[in-house]
Structures are given as C-alpha cells and as structure tokens.
Amino acid sequence: MKLKSISVVVLLISMLLSPYVNAAQESEHYIFEYDKDMIFDVKLTDNTVTWESLSGEDKVQKETDHINRKLLSNDVEVIQWTENDGTFVTVVFDRAHLNVISSGKYPSGKWLRSGVATIL
C-alpha cells in the first residue's frame, strides 16, 4: 500500500511539473548589425542568447550564454550576459524601432556600439 501511495504522489508531481519541463522556450531570431563592420546572428530565449559573429573582430566565433533580462517598457529591454572569455555584455534593445546599443569591452578598447536589428 505504501508503494502505491508513493507512486500516486510521484505521478501527481510529474503531471504538475510537465508543462514547465516540456514547454518549448519561445525564441526570437535577429541579425544585429553595428556600423556595417560587425554583424551577429542572435537567437534569444527566455534565459539564453546564442550568437554567431558573421563579420568583424569576432568573425566565426559562436556561443550560447545565460542571460539576465530587464524590461524597461513594452518595447525596450536590457539584456546582459558574460561570455566564455569573461567579456561582460550589456545590450539595450528597442524592438519597436529595431535599434540596438551594446556595451562590451574588447581587447581593441572598443566598448560601445549602436546598430540596427533585423527580424529573421
């Protein structure tokens, strides 16, 4: 009888958690272009960014990082993450106008870039 009760409890817990475990994260896909010399393919989910550099200093680099997000208004959001090499990145993204401002300290000394986003 004890085993049956435990089985029922496990089944109920798994049923309650299954929408969260099996739910597909909503994702967004953009191209972020900074001054024509740095272009990134960017995919955002609720808690990750996957980026691939298509041109510029970081060309061919690609990684997925955990992000923190803060909505400033319906259309403007701050997104932050730390890359594998320790670079800390802050992006202010205005979806209404598809403007993006990024801050991250590069070895070259460049740290603030503004550009445009394209929805894919």
C-alpha atoms as a PDB file:
ATOM      1  CA  MET A   1       0.000   0.000   0.000  1.00  0.00           C
ATOM      2  CA  LYS A   2       2.865   2.370   0.820  1.00  0.00           C
ATOM      3  CA  LEU A   3       4.423   1.791  -2.635  1.00  0.00           C
ATOM      4  CA  LYS A   4       1.089   2.570  -4.316  1.00  0.00           C
ATOM      5  CA  SER A   5       0.772   5.859  -2.370  1.00  0.00           C
ATOM      6  CA  ILE A   6       4.317   6.880  -3.334  1.00  0.00           C
ATOM      7  CA  SER A   7       3.586   6.058  -6.986  1.00  0.00           C
ATOM      8  CA  VAL A   8       0.463   8.225  -6.941  1.00  0.00           C
ATOM      9  CA  VAL A   9       2.388  11.142  -5.389  1.00  0.00           C
ATOM     10  CA  VAL A  10       5.199  10.827  -7.987  1.00  0.00           C
ATOM     11  CA  LEU A  11       2.628  10.705 -10.792  1.00  0.00           C
ATOM     12  CA  LEU A  12       0.831  13.806  -9.498  1.00  0.00           C
ATOM     13  CA  ILE A  13       4.082  15.764  -9.118  1.00  0.00           C
ATOM     14  CA  SER A  14       5.213  14.814 -12.624  1.00  0.00           C
ATOM     15  CA  MET A  15       1.849  15.869 -14.050  1.00  0.00           C
ATOM     16  CA  LEU A  16       2.082  19.233 -12.275  1.00  0.00           C
ATOM     17  CA  LEU A  17       5.639  19.872 -13.470  1.00  0.00           C
ATOM     18  CA  SER A  18       5.280  18.553 -17.023  1.00  0.00           C
ATOM     19  CA  PRO A  19       4.056  21.835 -18.570  1.00  0.00           C
ATOM     20  CA  TYR A  20       7.224  23.526 -17.295  1.00  0.00           C
ATOM     21  CA  VAL A  21       9.614  20.731 -18.243  1.00  0.00           C
ATOM     22  CA  ASN A  22       8.180  20.068 -21.683  1.00  0.00           C
ATOM     23  CA  ALA A  23       7.272  23.624 -22.658  1.00  0.00           C
ATOM     24  CA  ALA A  24       9.326  24.869 -25.562  1.00  0.00           C
ATOM     25  CA  GLN A  25      11.017  28.142 -24.844  1.00  0.00           C
ATOM     26  CA  GLU A  26       9.816  30.947 -27.023  1.00  0.00           C
ATOM     27  CA  SER A  27      12.656  32.264 -29.139  1.00  0.00           C
ATOM     28  CA  GLU A  28      13.454  35.336 -31.195  1.00  0.00           C
ATOM     29  CA  HIS A  29      15.899  35.476 -34.104  1.00  0.00           C
ATOM     30  CA  TYR A  30      17.676  38.635 -35.291  1.00  0.00           C
ATOM     31  CA  ILE A  31      20.680  39.953 -37.134  1.00  0.00           C
ATOM     32  CA  PHE A  32      22.398  42.707 -35.116  1.00  0.00           C
ATOM     33  CA  GLU A  33      24.449  44.960 -37.377  1.00  0.00           C
ATOM     34  CA  TYR A  34      26.868  47.521 -35.924  1.00  0.00           C
ATOM     35  CA  ASP A  35      28.336  50.106 -38.321  1.00  0.00           C
ATOM     36  CA  LYS A  36      28.499  47.535 -41.151  1.00  0.00           C
ATOM     37  CA  ASP A  37      31.749  46.115 -39.728  1.00  0.00           C
ATOM     38  CA  MET A  38      30.315  43.848 -37.021  1.00  0.00           C
ATOM     39  CA  ILE A  39      27.341  41.621 -37.758  1.00  0.00           C
ATOM     40  CA  PHE A  40      25.933  38.993 -35.400  1.00  0.00           C
ATOM     41  CA  ASP A  41      23.284  36.302 -35.828  1.00  0.00           C
ATOM     42  CA  VAL A  42      21.418  36.429 -32.482  1.00  0.00           C
ATOM     43  CA  LYS A  43      18.868  33.981 -31.080  1.00  0.00           C
ATOM     44  CA  LEU A  44      17.196  34.834 -27.765  1.00  0.00           C
ATOM     45  CA  THR A  45      15.158  32.620 -25.477  1.00  0.00           C
ATOM     46  CA  ASP A  46      13.821  33.444 -22.029  1.00  0.00           C
ATOM     47  CA  ASN A  47      17.203  32.737 -20.434  1.00  0.00           C
ATOM     48  CA  THR A  48      19.843  32.281 -23.161  1.00  0.00           C
ATOM     49  CA  VAL A  49      21.454  34.079 -26.062  1.00  0.00           C
ATOM     50  CA  THR A  50      23.080  32.154 -28.883  1.00  0.00           C
ATOM     51  CA  TRP A  51      25.205  34.434 -31.013  1.00  0.00           C
ATOM     52  CA  GLU A  52      27.433  33.901 -34.000  1.00  0.00           C
ATOM     53  CA  SER A  53      29.721  36.569 -35.383  1.00  0.00           C
ATOM     54  CA  LEU A  54      29.289  36.895 -39.140  1.00  0.00           C
ATOM     55  CA  SER A  55      31.880  39.678 -39.620  1.00  0.00           C
ATOM     56  CA  GLY A  56      34.278  41.877 -37.685  1.00  0.00           C
ATOM     57  CA  GLU A  57      36.848  41.196 -34.973  1.00  0.00           C
ATOM     58  CA  ASP A  58      34.958  38.177 -33.625  1.00  0.00           C
ATOM     59  CA  LYS A  59      34.178  36.574 -37.016  1.00  0.00           C
ATOM     60  CA  VAL A  60      33.459  32.834 -36.790  1.00  0.00           C
ATOM     61  CA  GLN A  61      33.024  32.880 -33.002  1.00  0.00           C
ATOM     62  CA  LYS A  62      29.811  31.356 -31.694  1.00  0.00           C
ATOM     63  CA  GLU A  63      28.474  30.516 -28.248  1.00  0.00           C
ATOM     64  CA  THR A  64      25.408  30.239 -26.062  1.00  0.00           C
ATOM     65  CA  ASP A  65      25.318  32.199 -22.805  1.00  0.00           C
ATOM     66  CA  HIS A  66      22.894  32.535 -19.899  1.00  0.00           C
ATOM     67  CA  ILE A  67      21.231  35.978 -19.899  1.00  0.00           C
ATOM     68  CA  ASN A  68      19.518  38.311 -17.477  1.00  0.00           C
ATOM     69  CA  ARG A  69      16.718  40.432 -18.913  1.00  0.00           C
ATOM     70  CA  LYS A  70      15.034  43.588 -17.627  1.00  0.00           C
ATOM     71  CA  LEU A  71      12.066  45.081 -19.455  1.00  0.00           C
ATOM     72  CA  LEU A  72      12.210  48.900 -19.375  1.00  0.00           C
ATOM     73  CA  SER A  73       8.980  49.406 -21.339  1.00  0.00           C
ATOM     74  CA  ASN A  74       6.785  47.387 -23.692  1.00  0.00           C
ATOM     75  CA  ASP A  75       9.406  47.725 -26.421  1.00  0.00           C
ATOM     76  CA  VAL A  76      12.749  48.379 -24.703  1.00  0.00           C
ATOM     77  CA  GLU A  77      14.752  45.791 -22.810  1.00  0.00           C
ATOM     78  CA  VAL A  78      18.200  45.474 -21.236  1.00  0.00           C
ATOM     79  CA  ILE A  79      19.867  42.085 -21.773  1.00  0.00           C
ATOM     80  CA  GLN A  80      23.135  41.131 -20.036  1.00  0.00           C
ATOM     81  CA  TRP A  81      25.473  38.153 -20.123  1.00  0.00           C
ATOM     82  CA  THR A  82      29.061  37.064 -19.545  1.00  0.00           C
ATOM     83  CA  GLU A  83      30.822  35.345 -22.429  1.00  0.00           C
ATOM     84  CA  ASN A  84      33.199  32.386 -22.127  1.00  0.00           C
ATOM     85  CA  ASP A  85      36.251  34.688 -22.374  1.00  0.00           C
ATOM     86  CA  GLY A  86      34.929  36.810 -19.478  1.00  0.00           C
ATOM     87  CA  THR A  87      33.589  39.673 -21.618  1.00  0.00           C
ATOM     88  CA  PHE A  88      30.546  41.166 -19.897  1.00  0.00           C
ATOM     89  CA  VAL A  89      27.963  42.351 -22.429  1.00  0.00           C
ATOM     90  CA  THR A  90      25.030  44.718 -21.974  1.00  0.00           C
ATOM     91  CA  VAL A  91      22.537  45.215 -24.809  1.00  0.00           C
ATOM     92  CA  VAL A  92      19.744  47.796 -24.841  1.00  0.00           C
ATOM     93  CA  PHE A  93      17.269  46.567 -27.439  1.00  0.00           C
ATOM     94  CA  ASP A  94      14.419  48.724 -28.750  1.00  0.00           C
ATOM     95  CA  ARG A  95      12.148  46.290 -30.593  1.00  0.00           C
ATOM     96  CA  ALA A  96       9.739  48.987 -31.796  1.00  0.00           C
ATOM     97  CA  HIS A  97      12.471  50.692 -33.816  1.00  0.00           C
ATOM     98  CA  LEU A  98      14.839  47.683 -34.096  1.00  0.00           C
ATOM     99  CA  ASN A  99      17.676  49.720 -32.584  1.00  0.00           C
ATOM    100  CA  VAL A 100      20.351  48.040 -30.530  1.00  0.00           C
ATOM    101  CA  ILE A 101      23.089  49.538 -28.344  1.00  0.00           C
ATOM    102  CA  SER A 102      25.703  47.155 -26.995  1.00  0.00           C
ATOM    103  CA  SER A 103      28.453  47.602 -24.457  1.00  0.00           C
ATOM    104  CA  GLY A 104      31.255  45.085 -24.031  1.00  0.00           C
ATOM    105  CA  LYS A 105      34.948  45.700 -23.504  1.00  0.00           C
ATOM    106  CA  TYR A 106      37.015  44.269 -26.377  1.00  0.00           C
ATOM    107  CA  PRO A 107      40.822  43.899 -26.364  1.00  0.00           C
ATOM    108  CA  SER A 108      40.907  46.668 -29.011  1.00  0.00           C
ATOM    109  CA  GLY A 109      39.384  49.067 -26.486  1.00  0.00           C
ATOM    110  CA  LYS A 110      36.070  49.472 -28.307  1.00  0.00           C
ATOM    111  CA  TRP A 111      33.204  49.097 -25.918  1.00  0.00           C
ATOM    112  CA  LEU A 112      30.078  50.893 -27.080  1.00  0.00           C
ATOM    113  CA  ARG A 113      28.380  50.201 -30.399  1.00  0.00           C
ATOM    114  CA  SER A 114      25.000  51.151 -31.778  1.00  0.00           C
ATOM    115  CA  GLY A 115      23.300  49.473 -34.683  1.00  0.00           C
ATOM    116  CA  VAL A 116      20.135  48.041 -36.100  1.00  0.00           C
ATOM    117  CA  ALA A 117      18.388  44.703 -35.781  1.00  0.00           C
ATOM    118  CA  THR A 118      16.637  42.721 -38.483  1.00  0.00           C
ATOM    119  CA  ILE A 119      13.966  40.180 -37.532  1.00  0.00           C
ATOM    120  CA  LEU A 120      14.515  36.751 -39.071  1.00  0.00           C
END
